[in-house]
Protein backbone atom coordinates (compact mmCIF):
# COMPACT_ATOMS: atom_id res chain seq x y z
CA MET A 1 -6.59 -2.25 7.02
CA HIS A 2 -6.84 -4.25 3.82
CA ILE A 3 -3.82 -3.65 1.60
CA LEU A 4 -2.84 -4.53 -1.96
CA ALA A 5 0.96 -4.61 -2.14
CA ASP A 6 2.60 -3.75 -5.43
CA THR A 7 4.98 -6.41 -6.76
CA ASN A 8 8.08 -4.47 -5.66
CA VAL A 9 7.16 -4.34 -1.94
CA PRO A 10 9.65 -6.30 0.21
CA GLU A 11 8.28 -9.40 1.91
CA LYS A 12 9.43 -8.10 5.31
CA TYR A 13 6.87 -5.27 4.98
CA VAL A 14 4.07 -7.69 4.15
CA PHE A 15 5.00 -10.07 6.99
CA ALA A 16 5.19 -7.19 9.48
CA LEU A 17 1.77 -5.84 8.51
CA ARG A 18 0.21 -9.29 8.55
CA GLY A 19 1.69 -9.76 12.02
CA ASP A 20 -0.35 -6.75 13.15
CA GLY A 21 -3.53 -8.26 11.73
CA HIS A 22 -3.69 -6.41 8.42
CA ARG A 23 -4.84 -8.36 5.39
CA VAL A 24 -2.13 -7.87 2.78
CA THR A 25 -2.15 -9.40 -0.69
CA TYR A 26 0.51 -9.02 -3.34
CA SER A 27 -0.87 -7.82 -6.66
CA ARG A 28 1.15 -10.59 -8.34
CA ASP A 29 -0.85 -13.18 -6.37
CA VAL A 30 -4.21 -11.88 -7.62
CA THR A 31 -5.15 -13.95 -10.66
CA GLU A 32 -6.82 -10.98 -12.31
CA LEU A 33 -3.63 -8.89 -11.98
CA GLY A 34 -0.60 -11.19 -12.03
CA PRO A 35 3.05 -10.13 -11.84
CA VAL A 36 2.92 -7.71 -14.77
CA ALA A 37 -0.18 -5.68 -13.90
CA THR A 38 -0.06 -2.04 -14.84
CA ASP A 39 -0.33 0.64 -12.18
CA ALA A 40 -3.74 1.58 -13.57
CA ASP A 41 -4.91 -2.04 -13.22
CA ILE A 42 -3.69 -2.14 -9.62
CA VAL A 43 -5.52 1.07 -8.74
CA GLN A 44 -8.73 -0.07 -10.45
CA TYR A 45 -8.66 -3.40 -8.61
CA ALA A 46 -7.89 -1.70 -5.28
CA GLU A 47 -10.78 0.72 -5.76
CA ARG A 48 -13.21 -2.03 -6.68
CA GLU A 49 -12.16 -4.16 -3.69
CA GLU A 50 -11.72 -1.16 -1.34
CA LEU A 51 -8.05 -1.85 -0.62
CA ALA A 52 -5.24 0.54 0.20
CA VAL A 53 -2.29 0.35 -2.21
CA LEU A 54 1.24 -0.12 -0.86
CA SER A 55 4.20 0.60 -3.12
CA THR A 56 7.87 1.47 -2.78
CA ASP A 57 7.83 3.76 -5.80
CA VAL A 58 5.83 6.98 -5.57
CA SER A 59 6.34 7.67 -9.27
CA ASP A 60 4.14 4.66 -10.04
CA PHE A 61 1.13 6.18 -8.31
CA ALA A 62 1.86 9.92 -7.84
CA ASP A 63 -0.27 11.02 -10.77
CA ARG A 64 -3.10 8.56 -10.23
CA ASP A 65 -6.42 9.95 -9.07
CA ALA A 66 -7.13 7.07 -6.71
CA SER A 67 -10.13 6.97 -4.39
CA VAL A 68 -8.26 4.64 -2.02
CA PRO A 69 -5.19 5.35 0.15
CA VAL A 70 -1.86 5.07 -1.65
CA LEU A 71 0.94 4.33 0.82
CA VAL A 72 4.59 4.70 -0.20
CA ALA A 73 7.30 2.93 1.76
CA PRO A 74 10.93 3.40 0.71
CA GLN A 75 12.96 0.20 0.33
CA ASN A 76 15.16 1.12 3.31
CA MET A 77 12.44 0.96 5.98
CA THR A 78 12.33 -1.89 8.47
CA GLY A 79 9.32 -4.12 9.08
CA GLY A 80 8.92 -2.44 12.47
CA GLY A 81 9.06 0.97 10.83
CA ILE A 82 6.27 0.00 8.45
CA ARG A 83 4.15 -1.38 11.30
CA GLY A 84 4.59 1.78 13.35
CA ALA A 85 3.86 4.11 10.44
CA VAL A 86 0.64 2.30 9.51
CA ALA A 87 -0.45 2.28 13.17
CA ARG A 88 0.14 6.04 13.40
CA LEU A 89 -1.69 6.59 10.11
CA GLU A 90 -4.73 4.68 11.35
CA ALA A 91 -4.81 6.86 14.47
CA LEU A 92 -4.94 10.14 12.52
CA PRO A 93 -8.32 11.92 12.30
CA PHE A 94 -8.60 12.04 8.50
CA ASP A 95 -9.42 9.81 5.58
CA PRO A 96 -6.13 8.72 3.96
CA ALA A 97 -7.99 8.13 0.69
CA GLU A 98 -8.46 11.89 0.42
CA ALA A 99 -4.71 12.59 0.55
CA ASP A 100 -1.96 12.49 -2.02
CA PRO A 101 0.29 9.43 -1.76
CA ILE A 102 1.35 9.09 1.87
CA TRP A 103 5.04 8.57 2.62
CA LEU A 104 5.17 6.10 5.48
CA SER A 105 8.77 7.10 6.24
CA GLY A 106 7.46 10.51 7.32
CA LEU A 107 5.00 9.19 9.90
């Protein structure tokens, strides 16, 4: 899975996902977005580049009509918890882009 991590996502989540072979980029590291990108800018970029969005704050993306998966991971999850949740999500027989924001803590 290719993932665009919002600025507030803990590094342990990014390292854990990268360890499983996912390509994860922080929005702050994308020249076009930078550290102060708006939520709308992040969604537009993710849609154009066909990336899932990872955030720790559902309120940032709850009302966005995104055509890409929006994954929400509370700040209290472990790296292993994130890895397991994304693995379970990838095994489900549906398109996560067609769902509301997906709480990884519930998977």
